């Protein structure tokens, strides 16, 4: 059996054996047309965290997730990891970290 011209699509198109493509941490979403930019939500989340209003930060994330259900942006995941650490929830921090990696965002530190 000669498979020299055989191609395995899983290997050539980012299939399950390939690492995800790295994305820029502050790149805009591919479709922000007519929507509040993700960066505005990120700023609101950070402001809530700075004010120690963690519930508000999570509410902003929920709204962001509704508008950008496929990708909330690396800064949002960084803040979720921070909130989970502040709340003593390592499982939630790990979940946020893994979600960011699955979307192609490299670790921030």
PDB file of N, CA and C in Angstrom:
ATOM      1  N   UNK A   1       0.850  -1.175   0.000  1.00  0.00           N
ATOM      2  CA  UNK A   1       0.000   0.000   0.000  1.00  0.00           C
ATOM      3  C   UNK A   1       0.889   1.229   0.000  1.00  0.00           C
ATOM      4  N   UNK A   2       0.723   2.102  -0.993  1.00  0.00           N
ATOM      5  CA  UNK A   2       1.527   3.323  -1.117  1.00  0.00           C
ATOM      6  C   UNK A   2       0.704   4.513  -0.649  1.00  0.00           C
ATOM      7  N   UNK A   3       1.170   5.175   0.418  1.00  0.00           N
ATOM      8  CA  UNK A   3       0.428   6.325   0.937  1.00  0.00           C
ATOM      9  C   UNK A   3       1.235   7.610   0.843  1.00  0.00           C
ATOM     10  N   UNK A   4       2.170   7.691  -0.098  1.00  0.00           N
ATOM     11  CA  UNK A   4       3.016   8.874  -0.203  1.00  0.00           C
ATOM     12  C   UNK A   4       2.236  10.110  -0.619  1.00  0.00           C
ATOM     13  N   UNK A   5       1.157   9.950  -1.356  1.00  0.00           N
ATOM     14  CA  UNK A   5       0.350  11.089  -1.764  1.00  0.00           C
ATOM     15  C   UNK A   5      -0.887  11.266  -0.884  1.00  0.00           C
ATOM     16  N   UNK A   6      -0.995  10.429   0.114  1.00  0.00           N
ATOM     17  CA  UNK A   6      -2.123  10.501   1.040  1.00  0.00           C
ATOM     18  C   UNK A   6      -1.928  11.675   1.988  1.00  0.00           C
ATOM     19  N   UNK A   7      -2.966  12.436   2.194  1.00  0.00           N
ATOM     20  CA  UNK A   7      -2.879  13.528   3.162  1.00  0.00           C
ATOM     21  C   UNK A   7      -3.848  13.254   4.288  1.00  0.00           C
ATOM     22  N   UNK A   8      -3.432  13.610   5.462  1.00  0.00           N
ATOM     23  CA  UNK A   8      -4.288  13.479   6.628  1.00  0.00           C
ATOM     24  C   UNK A   8      -4.743  14.870   7.011  1.00  0.00           C
ATOM     25  N   UNK A   9      -5.996  15.163   6.744  1.00  0.00           N
ATOM     26  CA  UNK A   9      -6.510  16.504   7.012  1.00  0.00           C
ATOM     27  C   UNK A   9      -6.343  16.907   8.460  1.00  0.00           C
ATOM     28  N   UNK A  10      -6.402  15.948   9.383  1.00  0.00           N
ATOM     29  CA  UNK A  10      -6.256  16.284  10.792  1.00  0.00           C
ATOM     30  C   UNK A  10      -4.883  16.871  11.087  1.00  0.00           C
ATOM     31  N   UNK A  11      -3.876  16.473  10.323  1.00  0.00           N
ATOM     32  CA  UNK A  11      -2.532  16.979  10.561  1.00  0.00           C
ATOM     33  C   UNK A  11      -2.267  18.294   9.844  1.00  0.00           C
ATOM     34  N   UNK A  12      -2.995  18.571   8.774  1.00  0.00           N
ATOM     35  CA  UNK A  12      -2.691  19.755   7.988  1.00  0.00           C
ATOM     36  C   UNK A  12      -3.571  20.948   8.301  1.00  0.00           C
ATOM     37  N   UNK A  13      -4.709  20.736   8.950  1.00  0.00           N
ATOM     38  CA  UNK A  13      -5.607  21.869   9.185  1.00  0.00           C
ATOM     39  C   UNK A  13      -5.825  22.176  10.666  1.00  0.00           C
ATOM     40  N   UNK A  14      -4.820  21.859  11.490  1.00  0.00           N
ATOM     41  CA  UNK A  14      -4.957  22.162  12.909  1.00  0.00           C
ATOM     42  C   UNK A  14      -5.815  21.152  13.637  1.00  0.00           C
ATOM     43  N   UNK A  15      -5.781  19.889  13.190  1.00  0.00           N
ATOM     44  CA  UNK A  15      -6.578  18.850  13.823  1.00  0.00           C
ATOM     45  C   UNK A  15      -6.141  18.572  15.241  1.00  0.00           C
ATOM     46  N   UNK A  16      -6.625  17.478  15.773  1.00  0.00           N
ATOM     47  CA  UNK A  16      -6.424  17.207  17.187  1.00  0.00           C
ATOM     48  C   UNK A  16      -4.981  16.988  17.580  1.00  0.00           C
ATOM     49  N   UNK A  17      -4.057  16.787  16.671  1.00  0.00           N
ATOM     50  CA  UNK A  17      -2.655  16.627  17.008  1.00  0.00           C
ATOM     51  C   UNK A  17      -1.878  17.933  16.993  1.00  0.00           C
ATOM     52  N   UNK A  18      -2.470  18.993  16.520  1.00  0.00           N
ATOM     53  CA  UNK A  18      -1.774  20.264  16.363  1.00  0.00           C
ATOM     54  C   UNK A  18      -2.102  21.217  17.504  1.00  0.00           C
ATOM     55  N   UNK A  19      -1.111  22.018  17.916  1.00  0.00           N
ATOM     56  CA  UNK A  19      -1.417  23.021  18.938  1.00  0.00           C
ATOM     57  C   UNK A  19      -2.288  24.118  18.337  1.00  0.00           C
ATOM     58  N   UNK A  20      -3.104  24.792  19.166  1.00  0.00           N
ATOM     59  CA  UNK A  20      -3.933  25.867  18.625  1.00  0.00           C
ATOM     60  C   UNK A  20      -3.075  27.029  18.145  1.00  0.00           C
ATOM     61  N   UNK A  21      -3.568  27.738  17.176  1.00  0.00           N
ATOM     62  CA  UNK A  21      -2.847  28.896  16.667  1.00  0.00           C
ATOM     63  C   UNK A  21      -2.866  29.992  17.733  1.00  0.00           C
ATOM     64  N   UNK A  22      -1.719  30.606  17.962  1.00  0.00           N
ATOM     65  CA  UNK A  22      -1.620  31.650  18.970  1.00  0.00           C
ATOM     66  C   UNK A  22      -2.287  32.920  18.474  1.00  0.00           C
ATOM     67  N   UNK A  23      -3.035  33.564  19.369  1.00  0.00           N
ATOM     68  CA  UNK A  23      -3.725  34.805  19.048  1.00  0.00           C
ATOM     69  C   UNK A  23      -3.102  35.932  19.840  1.00  0.00           C
ATOM     70  N   UNK A  24      -3.277  37.143  19.345  1.00  0.00           N
ATOM     71  CA  UNK A  24      -2.826  38.310  20.084  1.00  0.00           C
ATOM     72  C   UNK A  24      -3.725  38.526  21.288  1.00  0.00           C
ATOM     73  N   UNK A  25      -3.149  38.888  22.423  1.00  0.00           N
ATOM     74  CA  UNK A  25      -3.916  39.022  23.661  1.00  0.00           C
ATOM     75  C   UNK A  25      -4.913  40.168  23.610  1.00  0.00           C
ATOM     76  N   UNK A  26      -4.655  41.188  22.798  1.00  0.00           N
ATOM     77  CA  UNK A  26      -5.557  42.344  22.763  1.00  0.00           C
ATOM     78  C   UNK A  26      -6.196  42.550  21.394  1.00  0.00           C
ATOM     79  N   UNK A  27      -6.103  41.549  20.533  1.00  0.00           N
ATOM     80  CA  UNK A  27      -6.728  41.657  19.215  1.00  0.00           C
ATOM     81  C   UNK A  27      -8.238  41.827  19.366  1.00  0.00           C
ATOM     82  N   UNK A  28      -8.844  42.663  18.522  1.00  0.00           N
ATOM     83  CA  UNK A  28     -10.309  42.777  18.576  1.00  0.00           C
ATOM     84  C   UNK A  28     -10.947  41.487  18.067  1.00  0.00           C
ATOM     85  N   UNK A  29     -12.187  41.288  18.420  1.00  0.00           N
ATOM     86  CA  UNK A  29     -12.952  40.145  17.931  1.00  0.00           C
ATOM     87  C   UNK A  29     -13.131  40.312  16.430  1.00  0.00           C
ATOM     88  N   UNK A  30     -13.296  39.214  15.726  1.00  0.00           N
ATOM     89  CA  UNK A  30     -13.457  39.280  14.277  1.00  0.00           C
ATOM     90  C   UNK A  30     -14.748  39.971  13.868  1.00  0.00           C
ATOM     91  N   UNK A  31     -15.738  39.992  14.747  1.00  0.00           N
ATOM     92  CA  UNK A  31     -17.007  40.635  14.421  1.00  0.00           C
ATOM     93  C   UNK A  31     -17.452  41.538  15.569  1.00  0.00           C
ATOM     94  N   UNK A  32     -16.966  42.777  15.574  1.00  0.00           N
ATOM     95  CA  UNK A  32     -17.403  43.758  16.563  1.00  0.00           C
ATOM     96  C   UNK A  32     -18.352  44.785  15.936  1.00  0.00           C
ATOM     97  N   UNK A  33     -18.731  44.552  14.692  1.00  0.00           N
ATOM     98  CA  UNK A  33     -19.609  45.467  13.982  1.00  0.00           C
ATOM     99  C   UNK A  33     -20.940  45.616  14.718  1.00  0.00           C
ATOM    100  N   UNK A  34     -21.258  46.838  15.097  1.00  0.00           N
ATOM    101  CA  UNK A  34     -22.522  47.118  15.762  1.00  0.00           C
ATOM    102  C   UNK A  34     -22.596  46.634  17.200  1.00  0.00           C
ATOM    103  N   UNK A  35     -21.468  46.198  17.753  1.00  0.00           N
ATOM    104  CA  UNK A  35     -21.435  45.694  19.125  1.00  0.00           C
ATOM    105  C   UNK A  35     -20.511  46.558  19.967  1.00  0.00           C
ATOM    106  N   UNK A  36     -20.725  46.530  21.267  1.00  0.00           N
ATOM    107  CA  UNK A  36     -19.771  47.148  22.176  1.00  0.00           C
ATOM    108  C   UNK A  36     -18.471  46.358  22.072  1.00  0.00           C
ATOM    109  N   UNK A  37     -17.322  47.014  21.853  1.00  0.00           N
ATOM    110  CA  UNK A  37     -16.058  46.278  21.733  1.00  0.00           C
ATOM    111  C   UNK A  37     -15.743  45.489  22.999  1.00  0.00           C
ATOM    112  N   UNK A  38     -15.101  44.342  22.810  1.00  0.00           N
ATOM    113  CA  UNK A  38     -14.715  43.528  23.965  1.00  0.00           C
ATOM    114  C   UNK A  38     -13.865  44.330  24.937  1.00  0.00           C
ATOM    115  N   UNK A  39     -13.021  45.216  24.413  1.00  0.00           N
ATOM    116  CA  UNK A  39     -12.136  45.991  25.285  1.00  0.00           C
ATOM    117  C   UNK A  39     -12.918  46.827  26.295  1.00  0.00           C
ATOM    118  N   UNK A  40     -14.113  47.268  25.933  1.00  0.00           N
ATOM    119  CA  UNK A  40     -14.956  48.021  26.874  1.00  0.00           C
ATOM    120  C   UNK A  40     -15.406  47.132  28.033  1.00  0.00           C
ATOM    121  N   UNK A  41     -15.758  45.895  27.710  1.00  0.00           N
ATOM    122  CA  UNK A  41     -16.132  44.949  28.765  1.00  0.00           C
ATOM    123  C   UNK A  41     -14.936  44.639  29.653  1.00  0.00           C
ATOM    124  N   UNK A  42     -13.763  44.488  29.022  1.00  0.00           N
ATOM    125  CA  UNK A  42     -12.550  44.208  29.801  1.00  0.00           C
ATOM    126  C   UNK A  42     -12.277  45.348  30.780  1.00  0.00           C
ATOM    127  N   UNK A  43     -12.424  46.573  30.316  1.00  0.00           N
ATOM    128  CA  UNK A  43     -12.198  47.741  31.181  1.00  0.00           C
ATOM    129  C   UNK A  43     -13.213  47.759  32.326  1.00  0.00           C
ATOM    130  N   UNK A  44     -14.462  47.419  32.034  1.00  0.00           N
ATOM    131  CA  UNK A  44     -15.484  47.384  33.078  1.00  0.00           C
ATOM    132  C   UNK A  44     -15.201  46.281  34.097  1.00  0.00           C
ATOM    133  N   UNK A  45     -14.749  45.136  33.614  1.00  0.00           N
ATOM    134  CA  UNK A  45     -14.389  44.058  34.539  1.00  0.00           C
ATOM    135  C   UNK A  45     -13.249  44.490  35.444  1.00  0.00           C
ATOM    136  N   UNK A  46     -12.224  45.096  34.847  1.00  0.00           N
ATOM    137  CA  UNK A  46     -11.053  45.513  35.627  1.00  0.00           C
ATOM    138  C   UNK A  46     -11.446  46.575  36.651  1.00  0.00           C
ATOM    139  N   UNK A  47     -12.301  47.498  36.265  1.00  0.00           N
ATOM    140  CA  UNK A  47     -12.765  48.534  37.181  1.00  0.00           C
ATOM    141  C   UNK A  47     -13.495  47.908  38.368  1.00  0.00           C
ATOM    142  N   UNK A  48     -14.354  46.933  38.100  1.00  0.00           N
ATOM    143  CA  UNK A  48     -15.081  46.258  39.178  1.00  0.00           C
ATOM    144  C   UNK A  48     -14.121  45.516  40.106  1.00  0.00           C
ATOM    145  N   UNK A  49     -13.115  44.875  39.527  1.00  0.00           N
ATOM    146  CA  UNK A  49     -12.120  44.170  40.348  1.00  0.00           C
ATOM    147  C   UNK A  49     -11.350  45.168  41.203  1.00  0.00           C
ATOM    148  N   UNK A  50     -10.952  46.287  40.611  1.00  0.00           N
ATOM    149  CA  UNK A  50     -10.219  47.312  41.356  1.00  0.00           C
ATOM    150  C   UNK A  50     -11.038  47.844  42.525  1.00  0.00           C
ATOM    151  N   UNK A  51     -12.356  47.878  42.357  1.00  0.00           N
ATOM    152  CA  UNK A  51     -13.255  48.354  43.413  1.00  0.00           C
ATOM    153  C   UNK A  51     -13.653  47.226  44.366  1.00  0.00           C
ATOM    154  N   UNK A  52     -13.042  46.053  44.181  1.00  0.00           N
ATOM    155  CA  UNK A  52     -13.337  44.866  45.000  1.00  0.00           C
ATOM    156  C   UNK A  52     -14.791  44.413  44.872  1.00  0.00           C
ATOM    157  N   UNK A  53     -15.388  44.706  43.731  1.00  0.00           N
ATOM    158  CA  UNK A  53     -16.753  44.296  43.451  1.00  0.00           C
ATOM    159  C   UNK A  53     -16.709  43.095  42.496  1.00  0.00           C
ATOM    160  N   UNK A  54     -16.349  41.951  43.052  1.00  0.00           N
ATOM    161  CA  UNK A  54     -16.136  40.765  42.239  1.00  0.00           C
ATOM    162  C   UNK A  54     -17.429  40.252  41.601  1.00  0.00           C
ATOM    163  N   UNK A  55     -18.525  40.405  42.298  1.00  0.00           N
ATOM    164  CA  UNK A  55     -19.821  39.996  41.728  1.00  0.00           C
ATOM    165  C   UNK A  55     -20.112  40.793  40.453  1.00  0.00           C
ATOM    166  N   UNK A  56     -19.848  42.101  40.492  1.00  0.00           N
ATOM    167  CA  UNK A  56     -20.073  42.952  39.311  1.00  0.00           C
ATOM    168  C   UNK A  56     -19.158  42.517  38.164  1.00  0.00           C
ATOM    169  N   UNK A  57     -17.904  42.191  38.475  1.00  0.00           N
ATOM    170  CA  UNK A  57     -16.974  41.738  37.429  1.00  0.00           C
ATOM    171  C   UNK A  57     -17.506  40.479  36.751  1.00  0.00           C
ATOM    172  N   UNK A  58     -18.061  39.565  37.537  1.00  0.00           N
ATOM    173  CA  UNK A  58     -18.625  38.344  36.964  1.00  0.00           C
ATOM    174  C   UNK A  58     -19.886  38.631  36.155  1.00  0.00           C
ATOM    175  N   UNK A  59     -20.674  39.607  36.588  1.00  0.00           N
ATOM    176  CA  UNK A  59     -21.851  40.001  35.813  1.00  0.00           C
ATOM    177  C   UNK A  59     -21.441  40.583  34.461  1.00  0.00           C
ATOM    178  N   UNK A  60     -20.383  41.387  34.461  1.00  0.00           N
ATOM    179  CA  UNK A  60     -19.880  41.949  33.195  1.00  0.00           C
ATOM    180  C   UNK A  60     -19.401  40.819  32.295  1.00  0.00           C
ATOM    181  N   UNK A  61     -18.698  39.830  32.870  1.00  0.00           N
ATOM    182  CA  UNK A  61     -18.251  38.686  32.079  1.00  0.00           C
ATOM    183  C   UNK A  61     -19.444  37.943  31.484  1.00  0.00           C
ATOM    184  N   UNK A  62     -20.507  37.778  32.253  1.00  0.00           N
ATOM    185  CA  UNK A  62     -21.703  37.100  31.734  1.00  0.00           C
ATOM    186  C   UNK A  62     -22.292  37.858  30.540  1.00  0.00           C
ATOM    187  N   UNK A  63     -22.340  39.177  30.638  1.00  0.00           N
ATOM    188  CA  UNK A  63     -22.851  39.989  29.530  1.00  0.00           C
ATOM    189  C   UNK A  63     -21.932  39.867  28.317  1.00  0.00           C
ATOM    190  N   UNK A  64     -20.625  39.924  28.564  1.00  0.00           N
ATOM    191  CA  UNK A  64     -19.634  39.757  27.498  1.00  0.00           C
ATOM    192  C   UNK A  64     -19.810  38.399  26.825  1.00  0.00           C
ATOM    193  N   UNK A  65     -20.028  37.371  27.629  1.00  0.00           N
ATOM    194  CA  UNK A  65     -20.190  36.013  27.090  1.00  0.00           C
ATOM    195  C   UNK A  65     -21.441  35.887  26.230  1.00  0.00           C
ATOM    196  N   UNK A  66     -22.463  36.636  26.565  1.00  0.00           N
ATOM    197  CA  UNK A  66     -23.687  36.612  25.768  1.00  0.00           C
ATOM    198  C   UNK A  66     -23.455  37.251  24.403  1.00  0.00           C
ATOM    199  N   UNK A  67     -22.719  38.362  24.394  1.00  0.00           N
ATOM    200  CA  UNK A  67     -22.483  39.089  23.152  1.00  0.00           C
ATOM    201  C   UNK A  67     -21.397  38.429  22.296  1.00  0.00           C
ATOM    202  N   UNK A  68     -20.380  37.911  22.945  1.00  0.00           N
ATOM    203  CA  UNK A  68     -19.258  37.253  22.260  1.00  0.00           C
ATOM    204  C   UNK A  68     -19.148  35.828  22.783  1.00  0.00           C
ATOM    205  N   UNK A  69     -20.116  35.001  22.441  1.00  0.00           N
ATOM    206  CA  UNK A  69     -20.189  33.659  23.021  1.00  0.00           C
ATOM    207  C   UNK A  69     -19.051  32.744  22.594  1.00  0.00           C
ATOM    208  N   UNK A  70     -18.403  33.029  21.478  1.00  0.00           N
ATOM    209  CA  UNK A  70     -17.347  32.146  20.995  1.00  0.00           C
ATOM    210  C   UNK A  70     -15.969  32.503  21.542  1.00  0.00           C
ATOM    211  N   UNK A  71     -15.776  33.737  22.013  1.00  0.00           N
ATOM    212  CA  UNK A  71     -14.443  34.154  22.456  1.00  0.00           C
ATOM    213  C   UNK A  71     -14.540  35.488  23.190  1.00  0.00           C
ATOM    214  N   UNK A  72     -14.320  35.460  24.479  1.00  0.00           N
ATOM    215  CA  UNK A  72     -14.459  36.666  25.288  1.00  0.00           C
ATOM    216  C   UNK A  72     -13.176  37.491  25.358  1.00  0.00           C
ATOM    217  N   UNK A  73     -12.083  36.962  24.853  1.00  0.00           N
ATOM    218  CA  UNK A  73     -10.810  37.686  24.838  1.00  0.00           C
ATOM    219  C   UNK A  73      -9.906  37.301  25.988  1.00  0.00           C
ATOM    220  N   UNK A  74      -8.610  37.299  25.735  1.00  0.00           N
ATOM    221  CA  UNK A  74      -7.620  36.887  26.731  1.00  0.00           C
ATOM    222  C   UNK A  74      -7.703  37.681  28.030  1.00  0.00           C
ATOM    223  N   UNK A  75      -7.862  39.013  27.983  1.00  0.00           N
ATOM    224  CA  UNK A  75      -7.932  39.748  29.249  1.00  0.00           C
ATOM    225  C   UNK A  75      -9.073  39.274  30.154  1.00  0.00           C
ATOM    226  N   UNK A  76     -10.179  38.872  29.580  1.00  0.00           N
ATOM    227  CA  UNK A  76     -11.301  38.385  30.386  1.00  0.00           C
ATOM    228  C   UNK A  76     -10.907  37.106  31.124  1.00  0.00           C
ATOM    229  N   UNK A  77     -10.201  36.224  30.433  1.00  0.00           N
ATOM    230  CA  UNK A  77      -9.772  34.982  31.080  1.00  0.00           C
ATOM    231  C   UNK A  77      -8.725  35.259  32.155  1.00  0.00           C
ATOM    232  N   UNK A  78      -7.838  36.205  31.898  1.00  0.00           N
ATOM    233  CA  UNK A  78      -6.865  36.590  32.924  1.00  0.00           C
ATOM    234  C   UNK A  78      -7.573  37.080  34.185  1.00  0.00           C
ATOM    235  N   UNK A  79      -8.604  37.889  33.994  1.00  0.00           N
ATOM    236  CA  UNK A  79      -9.340  38.413  35.151  1.00  0.00           C
ATOM    237  C   UNK A  79     -10.130  37.312  35.852  1.00  0.00           C
ATOM    238  N   UNK A  80     -10.670  36.362  35.098  1.00  0.00           N
ATOM    239  CA  UNK A  80     -11.361  35.237  35.728  1.00  0.00           C
ATOM    240  C   UNK A  80     -10.392  34.416  36.577  1.00  0.00           C
ATOM    241  N   UNK A  81      -9.190  34.206  36.069  1.00  0.00           N
ATOM    242  CA  UNK A  81      -8.184  33.475  36.852  1.00  0.00           C
ATOM    243  C   UNK A  81      -7.856  34.237  38.134  1.00  0.00           C
ATOM    244  N   UNK A  82      -7.726  35.553  38.023  1.00  0.00           N
ATOM    245  CA  UNK A  82      -7.440  36.397  39.185  1.00  0.00           C
ATOM    246  C   UNK A  82      -8.582  36.309  40.204  1.00  0.00           C
ATOM    247  N   UNK A  83      -9.809  36.418  39.732  1.00  0.00           N
ATOM    248  CA  UNK A  83     -10.965  36.324  40.622  1.00  0.00           C
ATOM    249  C   UNK A  83     -11.021  34.964  41.316  1.00  0.00           C
ATOM    250  N   UNK A  84     -10.751  33.906  40.564  1.00  0.00           N
ATOM    251  CA  UNK A  84     -10.775  32.564  41.150  1.00  0.00           C
ATOM    252  C   UNK A  84      -9.688  32.424  42.219  1.00  0.00           C
ATOM    253  N   UNK A  85      -8.513  32.969  41.944  1.00  0.00           N
ATOM    254  CA  UNK A  85      -7.428  32.913  42.927  1.00  0.00           C
ATOM    255  C   UNK A  85      -7.801  33.701  44.183  1.00  0.00           C
ATOM    256  N   UNK A  86      -8.379  34.885  43.986  1.00  0.00           N
ATOM    257  CA  UNK A  86      -8.800  35.707  45.131  1.00  0.00           C
ATOM    258  C   UNK A  86      -9.878  34.991  45.955  1.00  0.00           C
ATOM    259  N   UNK A  87     -10.707  34.221  45.277  1.00  0.00           N
ATOM    260  CA  UNK A  87     -11.781  33.507  45.952  1.00  0.00           C
ATOM    261  C   UNK A  87     -11.371  32.140  46.472  1.00  0.00           C
ATOM    262  N   UNK A  88     -10.117  31.773  46.260  1.00  0.00           N
ATOM    263  CA  UNK A  88      -9.640  30.480  46.738  1.00  0.00           C
ATOM    264  C   UNK A  88     -10.225  29.299  45.995  1.00  0.00           C
ATOM    265  N   UNK A  89     -10.462  29.463  44.694  1.00  0.00           N
ATOM    266  CA  UNK A  89     -11.068  28.397  43.887  1.00  0.00           C
ATOM    267  C   UNK A  89     -10.107  27.972  42.778  1.00  0.00           C
ATOM    268  N   UNK A  90      -9.157  27.070  43.098  1.00  0.00           N
ATOM    269  CA  UNK A  90      -8.174  26.670  42.084  1.00  0.00           C
ATOM    270  C   UNK A  90      -8.798  25.956  40.882  1.00  0.00           C
ATOM    271  N   UNK A  91      -9.916  25.269  41.088  1.00  0.00           N
ATOM    272  CA  UNK A  91     -10.568  24.586  39.961  1.00  0.00           C
ATOM    273  C   UNK A  91     -11.101  25.600  38.947  1.00  0.00           C
ATOM    274  N   UNK A  92     -11.692  26.689  39.438  1.00  0.00           N
ATOM    275  CA  UNK A  92     -12.196  27.728  38.535  1.00  0.00           C
ATOM    276  C   UNK A  92     -11.037  28.407  37.814  1.00  0.00           C
ATOM    277  N   UNK A  93      -9.927  28.616  38.516  1.00  0.00           N
ATOM    278  CA  UNK A  93      -8.746  29.220  37.884  1.00  0.00           C
ATOM    279  C   UNK A  93      -8.222  28.312  36.773  1.00  0.00           C
ATOM    280  N   UNK A  94      -8.177  27.023  37.049  1.00  0.00           N
ATOM    281  CA  UNK A  94      -7.718  26.057  36.042  1.00  0.00           C
ATOM    282  C   UNK A  94      -8.661  26.035  34.847  1.00  0.00           C
ATOM    283  N   UNK A  95      -9.963  26.091  35.106  1.00  0.00           N
ATOM    284  CA  UNK A  95     -10.939  26.113  34.007  1.00  0.00           C
ATOM    285  C   UNK A  95     -10.734  27.332  33.106  1.00  0.00           C
ATOM    286  N   UNK A  96     -10.518  28.498  33.714  1.00  0.00           N
ATOM    287  CA  UNK A  96     -10.303  29.725  32.934  1.00  0.00           C
ATOM    288  C   UNK A  96      -9.005  29.624  32.135  1.00  0.00           C
ATOM    289  N   UNK A  97      -7.969  29.084  32.764  1.00  0.00           N
ATOM    290  CA  UNK A  97      -6.681  28.915  32.089  1.00  0.00           C
ATOM    291  C   UNK A  97      -6.821  27.986  30.884  1.00  0.00           C
ATOM    292  N   UNK A  98      -7.488  26.854  31.082  1.00  0.00           N
ATOM    293  CA  UNK A  98      -7.669  25.900  29.989  1.00  0.00           C
ATOM    294  C   UNK A  98      -8.538  26.477  28.871  1.00  0.00           C
ATOM    295  N   UNK A  99      -9.540  27.268  29.230  1.00  0.00           N
ATOM    296  CA  UNK A  99     -10.387  27.899  28.206  1.00  0.00           C
ATOM    297  C   UNK A  99      -9.561  28.859  27.361  1.00  0.00           C
ATOM    298  N   UNK A 100      -8.699  29.638  28.011  1.00  0.00           N
ATOM    299  CA  UNK A 100      -7.845  30.577  27.275  1.00  0.00           C
ATOM    300  C   UNK A 100      -6.902  29.821  26.336  1.00  0.00           C
ATOM    301  N   UNK A 101      -6.305  28.746  26.832  1.00  0.00           N
ATOM    302  CA  UNK A 101      -5.409  27.949  25.982  1.00  0.00           C
ATOM    303  C   UNK A 101      -6.152  27.339  24.803  1.00  0.00           C
ATOM    304  N   UNK A 102      -7.375  26.881  25.032  1.00  0.00           N
ATOM    305  CA  UNK A 102      -8.130  26.246  23.952  1.00  0.00           C
ATOM    306  C   UNK A 102      -8.477  27.228  22.841  1.00  0.00           C
ATOM    307  N   UNK A 103      -8.521  28.517  23.182  1.00  0.00           N
ATOM    308  CA  UNK A 103      -8.790  29.534  22.179  1.00  0.00           C
ATOM    309  C   UNK A 103      -7.508  30.064  21.524  1.00  0.00           C
ATOM    310  N   UNK A 104      -6.378  29.528  21.939  1.00  0.00           N
ATOM    311  CA  UNK A 104      -5.108  29.909  21.316  1.00  0.00           C
ATOM    312  C   UNK A 104      -4.390  31.050  21.998  1.00  0.00           C
ATOM    313  N   UNK A 105      -4.817  31.412  23.201  1.00  0.00           N
ATOM    314  CA  UNK A 105      -4.153  32.501  23.924  1.00  0.00           C
ATOM    315  C   UNK A 105      -3.006  31.944  24.744  1.00  0.00           C
ATOM    316  N   UNK A 106      -1.803  32.485  24.569  1.00  0.00           N
ATOM    317  CA  UNK A 106      -0.670  32.012  25.351  1.00  0.00           C
ATOM    318  C   UNK A 106      -0.798  32.483  26.803  1.00  0.00           C
ATOM    319  N   UNK A 107      -0.206  31.763  27.738  1.00  0.00           N
ATOM    320  CA  UNK A 107      -0.234  32.235  29.138  1.00  0.00           C
ATOM    321  C   UNK A 107       0.373  33.633  29.248  1.00  0.00           C
ATOM    322  N   UNK A 108      -0.174  34.425  30.159  1.00  0.00           N
ATOM    323  CA  UNK A 108       0.300  35.809  30.314  1.00  0.00           C
ATOM    324  C   UNK A 108       1.475  35.901  31.275  1.00  0.00           C
ATOM    325  N   UNK A 109       1.680  34.883  32.097  1.00  0.00           N
ATOM    326  CA  UNK A 109       2.841  34.907  32.999  1.00  0.00           C
ATOM    327  C   UNK A 109       3.221  33.520  33.419  1.00  0.00           C
TER     328      UNK A 109
END
